[in-house]
Amino acid sequence: MDLTELFLISGLIAAWVGTTVGIMHAIGWIPPRYRRTLLALQGSTADRIAGTIRTELEVLRSPDLSLPDKITSSIQSGLAPLSASLPQLETSMRELVSFFKTQEAQIQNEVMQAKGALGGIAKAQNMGMKELAGAVIADALGPIAPVLEMALPNVYKIILKRPELAGQILEWPIVKNVLAQAQGWMAQQGMVPPAEGTG
């Protein structure tokens, strides 16, 4: 007999025994020794639980009138250290809340100041850019800038606000016509030199 055959046979026997025991447990058969051990364990556990319950019930049934006092004194002795530290805890919590409120107010104040400063800077930059754009456009329009401002003030404002539209607006026939008439009149009054091409 070979060693491999020996392992194979012992494995088959172990599998058969395990299967048999599993089937016996499944149908409800428990070996007598296992049953005796289980019953003894269950009995001793039940006896201990019943003894504990009996003892507790006897204590409750006894006419010991000091039991509520014992409970009260036990609770009070447990709460005494806590109640002694409550005023300090309350004071500390109030100080902490006050500190956080102060910090919150300070942060909100700083945020508002920063927003105001940034808003003022942005507004000043926007105003400066608009003035610069207006100066560049007025310079680019040359002698017709005052004429345009006087004859068509709304159109002049649009050109200053949206300089990219200046070329298109100045090509409109109505704007050309009004500018020519206004330049002619101002030239007659001696206010503006006549534009090229007007005599």
Protein backbone atom coordinates (compact mmCIF):
# COMPACT_ATOMS: atom_id res chain seq x y z
CA MET A 1 0.00 0.00 0.00
CA ASP A 2 1.36 3.37 -1.07
CA LEU A 3 1.39 6.55 1.09
CA THR A 4 -0.88 8.33 -1.38
CA GLU A 5 -3.45 5.53 -1.16
CA LEU A 6 -3.31 5.73 2.65
CA PHE A 7 -4.06 9.48 2.59
CA LEU A 8 -6.87 8.93 0.11
CA ILE A 9 -8.52 6.20 2.18
CA SER A 10 -8.21 8.17 5.45
CA GLY A 11 -9.67 11.26 3.73
CA LEU A 12 -12.63 9.22 2.45
CA ILE A 13 -13.27 7.78 5.92
CA ALA A 14 -13.14 11.28 7.49
CA ALA A 15 -15.54 12.62 4.87
CA TRP A 16 -17.94 9.71 5.45
CA VAL A 17 -17.88 10.23 9.24
CA GLY A 18 -18.41 13.99 8.88
CA THR A 19 -21.29 13.48 6.48
CA THR A 20 -22.92 10.90 8.76
CA VAL A 21 -22.64 13.17 11.82
CA GLY A 22 -24.02 16.11 9.82
CA ILE A 23 -27.02 14.07 8.66
CA MET A 24 -27.69 12.85 12.23
CA HIS A 25 -27.62 16.44 13.56
CA ALA A 26 -29.88 17.57 10.72
CA ILE A 27 -32.55 15.03 11.59
CA GLY A 28 -32.32 15.89 15.29
CA TRP A 29 -30.27 13.03 16.75
CA ILE A 30 -27.65 14.23 19.24
CA PRO A 31 -25.12 11.86 20.80
CA PRO A 32 -25.96 11.02 24.46
CA ARG A 33 -22.70 12.39 25.92
CA TYR A 34 -23.12 15.73 24.09
CA ARG A 35 -26.78 15.86 25.21
CA ARG A 36 -25.81 15.27 28.89
CA THR A 37 -23.18 18.03 28.77
CA LEU A 38 -25.59 20.45 27.14
CA LEU A 39 -28.36 19.70 29.68
CA ALA A 40 -25.94 20.15 32.61
CA LEU A 41 -24.73 23.47 31.23
CA GLN A 42 -28.25 24.71 30.64
CA GLY A 43 -29.31 23.65 34.14
CA SER A 44 -26.42 25.36 35.93
CA THR A 45 -26.94 28.57 33.94
CA ALA A 46 -30.66 28.57 34.70
CA ASP A 47 -29.94 27.98 38.43
CA ARG A 48 -27.51 30.94 38.56
CA ILE A 49 -29.97 33.27 36.80
CA ALA A 50 -32.84 32.19 39.06
CA GLY A 51 -30.68 32.69 42.19
CA THR A 52 -29.74 36.21 41.13
CA ILE A 53 -33.36 37.10 40.43
CA ARG A 54 -34.49 35.66 43.82
CA THR A 55 -31.85 37.69 45.66
CA GLU A 56 -32.84 40.90 43.92
CA LEU A 57 -36.54 40.28 44.54
CA GLU A 58 -35.92 39.62 48.24
CA VAL A 59 -34.08 42.92 48.52
CA LEU A 60 -36.98 44.71 46.88
CA ARG A 61 -39.58 42.88 49.04
CA SER A 62 -37.79 43.62 52.30
CA PRO A 63 -39.22 46.50 54.25
CA ASP A 64 -35.97 48.46 53.95
CA LEU A 65 -37.28 52.02 53.99
CA SER A 66 -33.81 53.46 53.62
CA LEU A 67 -33.48 52.19 50.04
CA PRO A 68 -34.81 55.43 48.44
CA ASP A 69 -32.50 57.42 50.68
CA LYS A 70 -29.55 55.24 49.66
CA ILE A 71 -30.40 55.74 46.01
CA THR A 72 -30.77 59.50 46.49
CA SER A 73 -27.52 59.85 48.41
CA SER A 74 -25.71 57.75 45.81
CA ILE A 75 -27.00 59.98 43.00
CA GLN A 76 -26.17 63.16 44.93
CA SER A 77 -22.67 61.98 45.75
CA GLY A 78 -22.12 61.22 42.08
CA LEU A 79 -23.46 64.62 41.00
CA ALA A 80 -21.65 66.68 43.68
CA PRO A 81 -18.37 67.09 41.75
CA LEU A 82 -20.30 67.95 38.63
CA SER A 83 -22.51 70.53 40.33
CA ALA A 84 -19.44 72.14 41.95
CA SER A 85 -17.87 72.69 38.53
CA LEU A 86 -21.04 73.94 36.81
CA PRO A 87 -20.60 77.65 37.70
CA GLN A 88 -17.03 77.58 36.38
CA LEU A 89 -18.18 75.79 33.25
CA GLU A 90 -21.00 78.29 32.73
CA THR A 91 -18.61 81.23 33.16
CA SER A 92 -16.13 79.67 30.75
CA MET A 93 -18.85 79.04 28.17
CA ARG A 94 -20.09 82.65 28.44
CA GLU A 95 -16.56 83.95 28.00
CA LEU A 96 -16.06 81.68 25.01
CA VAL A 97 -19.35 82.79 23.41
CA SER A 98 -18.45 86.44 24.06
CA PHE A 99 -15.01 85.92 22.51
CA PHE A 100 -16.51 84.30 19.40
CA LYS A 101 -19.09 87.08 19.02
CA THR A 102 -16.36 89.70 19.31
CA GLN A 103 -14.24 87.86 16.73
CA GLU A 104 -17.23 87.50 14.40
CA ALA A 105 -18.03 91.22 14.65
CA GLN A 106 -14.40 92.10 14.03
CA ILE A 107 -14.19 89.82 11.00
CA GLN A 108 -17.45 91.22 9.59
CA ASN A 109 -16.16 94.76 10.10
CA GLU A 110 -12.89 93.94 8.31
CA VAL A 111 -14.77 92.26 5.46
CA MET A 112 -17.03 95.29 5.06
CA GLN A 113 -14.03 97.62 5.08
CA ALA A 114 -12.28 95.47 2.49
CA LYS A 115 -15.39 95.39 0.30
CA GLY A 116 -15.71 99.15 0.59
CA ALA A 117 -12.08 99.68 -0.27
CA LEU A 118 -12.24 97.30 -3.21
CA GLY A 119 -15.47 98.88 -4.41
CA GLY A 120 -13.94 102.35 -4.19
CA ILE A 121 -10.83 101.24 -6.06
CA ALA A 122 -12.87 99.55 -8.76
CA LYS A 123 -15.15 102.57 -9.09
CA ALA A 124 -12.16 104.91 -9.34
CA GLN A 125 -10.54 102.65 -11.94
CA ASN A 126 -13.77 102.51 -13.95
CA MET A 127 -14.15 106.29 -13.77
CA GLY A 128 -10.53 106.75 -14.75
CA MET A 129 -10.90 104.35 -17.68
CA LYS A 130 -14.06 106.10 -18.85
CA GLU A 131 -12.38 109.52 -18.62
CA LEU A 132 -9.36 108.17 -20.46
CA ALA A 133 -11.54 106.62 -23.17
CA GLY A 134 -13.50 109.87 -23.45
CA ALA A 135 -10.29 111.88 -23.82
CA VAL A 136 -8.95 109.49 -26.47
CA ILE A 137 -12.23 109.60 -28.40
CA ALA A 138 -12.52 113.40 -28.07
CA ASP A 139 -8.94 113.71 -29.33
CA ALA A 140 -9.59 111.28 -32.17
CA LEU A 141 -12.73 113.19 -33.21
CA GLY A 142 -10.68 116.35 -33.39
CA PRO A 143 -12.57 119.55 -34.19
CA ILE A 144 -15.91 117.76 -34.58
CA ALA A 145 -15.97 116.67 -30.90
CA PRO A 146 -17.37 119.98 -29.56
CA VAL A 147 -19.74 120.20 -32.53
CA LEU A 148 -20.98 116.65 -31.90
CA GLU A 149 -21.29 117.33 -28.17
CA MET A 150 -23.38 120.46 -28.82
CA ALA A 151 -25.51 119.27 -31.74
CA LEU A 152 -26.09 115.61 -30.77
CA PRO A 153 -25.29 115.28 -27.05
CA ASN A 154 -26.83 111.80 -26.70
CA VAL A 155 -24.89 110.48 -29.67
CA TYR A 156 -21.71 112.02 -28.21
CA LYS A 157 -22.34 110.25 -24.87
CA ILE A 158 -22.85 106.94 -26.65
CA ILE A 159 -19.58 107.36 -28.52
CA LEU A 160 -17.76 108.13 -25.27
CA LYS A 161 -19.27 105.09 -23.55
CA ARG A 162 -18.86 102.73 -26.48
CA PRO A 163 -15.88 103.99 -28.49
CA GLU A 164 -15.91 100.90 -30.70
CA LEU A 165 -19.16 102.19 -32.25
CA ALA A 166 -17.73 105.63 -33.14
CA GLY A 167 -16.82 104.73 -36.74
CA GLN A 168 -20.28 103.32 -37.49
CA ILE A 169 -22.18 106.16 -35.81
CA LEU A 170 -20.22 108.86 -37.62
CA GLU A 171 -21.07 107.20 -40.95
CA TRP A 172 -24.83 107.48 -40.39
CA PRO A 173 -26.26 109.91 -42.94
CA ILE A 174 -28.28 111.85 -40.35
CA VAL A 175 -25.22 112.33 -38.13
CA LYS A 176 -23.15 113.48 -41.13
CA ASN A 177 -25.87 115.94 -42.13
CA VAL A 178 -26.30 117.41 -38.61
CA LEU A 179 -22.54 117.68 -38.14
CA ALA A 180 -22.11 119.50 -41.45
CA GLN A 181 -24.86 121.99 -40.59
CA ALA A 182 -23.57 122.53 -37.05
CA GLN A 183 -19.98 123.02 -38.26
CA GLY A 184 -21.14 125.54 -40.82
CA TRP A 185 -23.10 127.53 -38.27
CA MET A 186 -20.27 127.44 -35.70
CA ALA A 187 -17.79 128.51 -38.38
CA GLN A 188 -20.02 131.49 -39.19
CA GLN A 189 -20.10 132.37 -35.52
CA GLY A 190 -16.31 132.06 -35.30
CA MET A 191 -16.48 129.32 -32.70
CA VAL A 192 -14.83 126.43 -34.52
CA PRO A 193 -12.68 126.47 -37.63
CA PRO A 194 -14.57 125.02 -40.60
CA ALA A 195 -14.04 121.35 -41.31
CA GLU A 196 -12.19 120.36 -44.39
CA GLY A 197 -14.43 120.49 -47.40
CA THR A 198 -16.77 123.20 -45.98
CA GLY A 199 -16.20 126.72 -47.00
